[in-house]
Amino acid sequence: MKQFTYVVSNPFGLHVRPSGAIARQAGEYTDTLITISCGPETVKADSAVKLMSLGVKKGDTITLTCDGEFEQDAIEVIGELITHVL
């Protein structure tokens, strides 16, 4: 299992566009469980709607967790995406 923690700097938080980009990328890793947590809530990262339901705002800390066959690749690719869209 690999984890990546990030403090959101986007003034709009985790809104539609970044949620969609993250969900699309996470959906590519079918053999890896990918989740994002904010506070006590955790959702699968392959659903933009579930990601937006976290209500992530600027300044919140999120944790990306990847567990499975391609966890190393997933954490690198999605972690990089997160740093560019959030």
C-alpha atoms as a PDB file:
ATOM      1  CA  MET A   1       0.000   0.000   0.000  1.00  0.00           C
ATOM      2  CA  LYS A   2       1.282   3.449  -0.956  1.00  0.00           C
ATOM      3  CA  GLN A   3       0.051   6.817   0.358  1.00  0.00           C
ATOM      4  CA  PHE A   4       0.451  10.421  -0.747  1.00  0.00           C
ATOM      5  CA  THR A   5      -0.722  13.375   1.330  1.00  0.00           C
ATOM      6  CA  TYR A   6      -1.426  16.802  -0.138  1.00  0.00           C
ATOM      7  CA  VAL A   7      -2.721  20.133   1.171  1.00  0.00           C
ATOM      8  CA  VAL A   8      -5.175  21.570  -1.354  1.00  0.00           C
ATOM      9  CA  SER A   9      -4.105  24.960  -2.699  1.00  0.00           C
ATOM     10  CA  ASN A  10      -6.762  25.399  -5.394  1.00  0.00           C
ATOM     11  CA  PRO A  11      -9.061  28.240  -4.283  1.00  0.00           C
ATOM     12  CA  PHE A  12     -12.085  26.222  -5.483  1.00  0.00           C
ATOM     13  CA  GLY A  13     -11.048  22.997  -3.747  1.00  0.00           C
ATOM     14  CA  LEU A  14     -11.890  19.666  -5.328  1.00  0.00           C
ATOM     15  CA  HIS A  15     -14.494  20.781  -7.857  1.00  0.00           C
ATOM     16  CA  VAL A  16     -15.849  19.246 -11.081  1.00  0.00           C
ATOM     17  CA  ARG A  17     -12.847  19.548 -13.396  1.00  0.00           C
ATOM     18  CA  PRO A  18     -10.162  18.133 -11.082  1.00  0.00           C
ATOM     19  CA  SER A  19     -12.560  15.481  -9.760  1.00  0.00           C
ATOM     20  CA  GLY A  20     -13.214  14.299 -13.304  1.00  0.00           C
ATOM     21  CA  ALA A  21      -9.520  14.239 -14.189  1.00  0.00           C
ATOM     22  CA  ILE A  22      -8.629  12.250 -11.071  1.00  0.00           C
ATOM     23  CA  ALA A  23     -11.529   9.825 -11.573  1.00  0.00           C
ATOM     24  CA  ARG A  24     -10.599   9.200 -15.212  1.00  0.00           C
ATOM     25  CA  GLN A  25      -6.991   8.478 -14.287  1.00  0.00           C
ATOM     26  CA  ALA A  26      -7.947   6.275 -11.320  1.00  0.00           C
ATOM     27  CA  GLY A  27     -10.302   4.303 -13.572  1.00  0.00           C
ATOM     28  CA  GLU A  28      -7.315   3.209 -15.657  1.00  0.00           C
ATOM     29  CA  TYR A  29      -5.959   1.112 -12.749  1.00  0.00           C
ATOM     30  CA  THR A  30      -8.510  -1.695 -12.590  1.00  0.00           C
ATOM     31  CA  ASP A  31      -6.229  -3.981 -10.526  1.00  0.00           C
ATOM     32  CA  THR A  32      -5.495  -1.348  -7.884  1.00  0.00           C
ATOM     33  CA  LEU A  33      -7.813   0.031  -5.206  1.00  0.00           C
ATOM     34  CA  ILE A  34      -7.425   3.818  -5.214  1.00  0.00           C
ATOM     35  CA  THR A  35      -9.076   5.953  -2.548  1.00  0.00           C
ATOM     36  CA  ILE A  36      -8.972   9.559  -1.417  1.00  0.00           C
ATOM     37  CA  SER A  37      -9.607  10.582   2.172  1.00  0.00           C
ATOM     38  CA  CYS A  38     -10.389  13.942   3.678  1.00  0.00           C
ATOM     39  CA  GLY A  39     -10.943  13.976   7.405  1.00  0.00           C
ATOM     40  CA  PRO A  40     -12.905  10.905   8.471  1.00  0.00           C
ATOM     41  CA  GLU A  41     -14.373  10.211   5.012  1.00  0.00           C
ATOM     42  CA  THR A  42     -12.852   7.970   2.334  1.00  0.00           C
ATOM     43  CA  VAL A  43     -14.165   7.380  -1.186  1.00  0.00           C
ATOM     44  CA  LYS A  44     -13.024   5.409  -4.213  1.00  0.00           C
ATOM     45  CA  ALA A  45     -11.190   7.770  -6.539  1.00  0.00           C
ATOM     46  CA  ASP A  46     -12.722   6.436  -9.750  1.00  0.00           C
ATOM     47  CA  SER A  47     -15.960   8.414  -9.269  1.00  0.00           C
ATOM     48  CA  ALA A  48     -16.007  12.185  -9.743  1.00  0.00           C
ATOM     49  CA  VAL A  49     -19.324  12.415  -7.890  1.00  0.00           C
ATOM     50  CA  LYS A  50     -17.932  10.572  -4.867  1.00  0.00           C
ATOM     51  CA  LEU A  51     -14.815  12.752  -4.905  1.00  0.00           C
ATOM     52  CA  MET A  52     -16.915  15.923  -4.927  1.00  0.00           C
ATOM     53  CA  SER A  53     -19.020  14.540  -2.069  1.00  0.00           C
ATOM     54  CA  LEU A  54     -15.956  14.873   0.176  1.00  0.00           C
ATOM     55  CA  GLY A  55     -16.436  18.650   0.095  1.00  0.00           C
ATOM     56  CA  VAL A  56     -12.691  19.326  -0.106  1.00  0.00           C
ATOM     57  CA  LYS A  57     -11.840  23.024   0.244  1.00  0.00           C
ATOM     58  CA  LYS A  58      -8.660  25.062  -0.076  1.00  0.00           C
ATOM     59  CA  GLY A  59      -6.391  24.269   2.869  1.00  0.00           C
ATOM     60  CA  ASP A  60      -7.829  20.785   3.475  1.00  0.00           C
ATOM     61  CA  THR A  61      -5.458  17.831   3.602  1.00  0.00           C
ATOM     62  CA  ILE A  62      -6.282  14.854   1.424  1.00  0.00           C
ATOM     63  CA  THR A  63      -4.664  11.432   1.406  1.00  0.00           C
ATOM     64  CA  LEU A  64      -4.399   9.358  -1.747  1.00  0.00           C
ATOM     65  CA  THR A  65      -4.041   5.629  -1.061  1.00  0.00           C
ATOM     66  CA  CYS A  66      -3.213   3.016  -3.687  1.00  0.00           C
ATOM     67  CA  ASP A  67      -3.222  -0.696  -2.943  1.00  0.00           C
ATOM     68  CA  GLY A  68      -2.766  -3.396  -5.548  1.00  0.00           C
ATOM     69  CA  GLU A  69      -0.720  -4.645  -8.447  1.00  0.00           C
ATOM     70  CA  PHE A  70       0.059  -1.219  -9.929  1.00  0.00           C
ATOM     71  CA  GLU A  71       0.113   0.830  -6.714  1.00  0.00           C
ATOM     72  CA  GLN A  72       3.531   2.383  -7.343  1.00  0.00           C
ATOM     73  CA  ASP A  73       2.640   3.604 -10.820  1.00  0.00           C
ATOM     74  CA  ALA A  74      -0.793   4.790  -9.675  1.00  0.00           C
ATOM     75  CA  ILE A  75       0.556   6.767  -6.706  1.00  0.00           C
ATOM     76  CA  GLU A  76       3.127   8.490  -8.929  1.00  0.00           C
ATOM     77  CA  VAL A  77       0.761   9.335 -11.792  1.00  0.00           C
ATOM     78  CA  ILE A  78      -2.276  10.352  -9.731  1.00  0.00           C
ATOM     79  CA  GLY A  79      -0.132  12.118  -7.123  1.00  0.00           C
ATOM     80  CA  GLU A  80       1.428  14.205  -9.885  1.00  0.00           C
ATOM     81  CA  LEU A  81      -2.037  14.943 -11.309  1.00  0.00           C
ATOM     82  CA  ILE A  82      -3.282  16.052  -7.902  1.00  0.00           C
ATOM     83  CA  THR A  83      -0.389  18.477  -7.469  1.00  0.00           C
ATOM     84  CA  HIS A  84      -1.195  20.063 -10.839  1.00  0.00           C
ATOM     85  CA  VAL A  85      -4.993  20.320 -10.562  1.00  0.00           C
ATOM     86  CA  LEU A  86      -5.358  21.037  -6.849  1.00  0.00           C
END
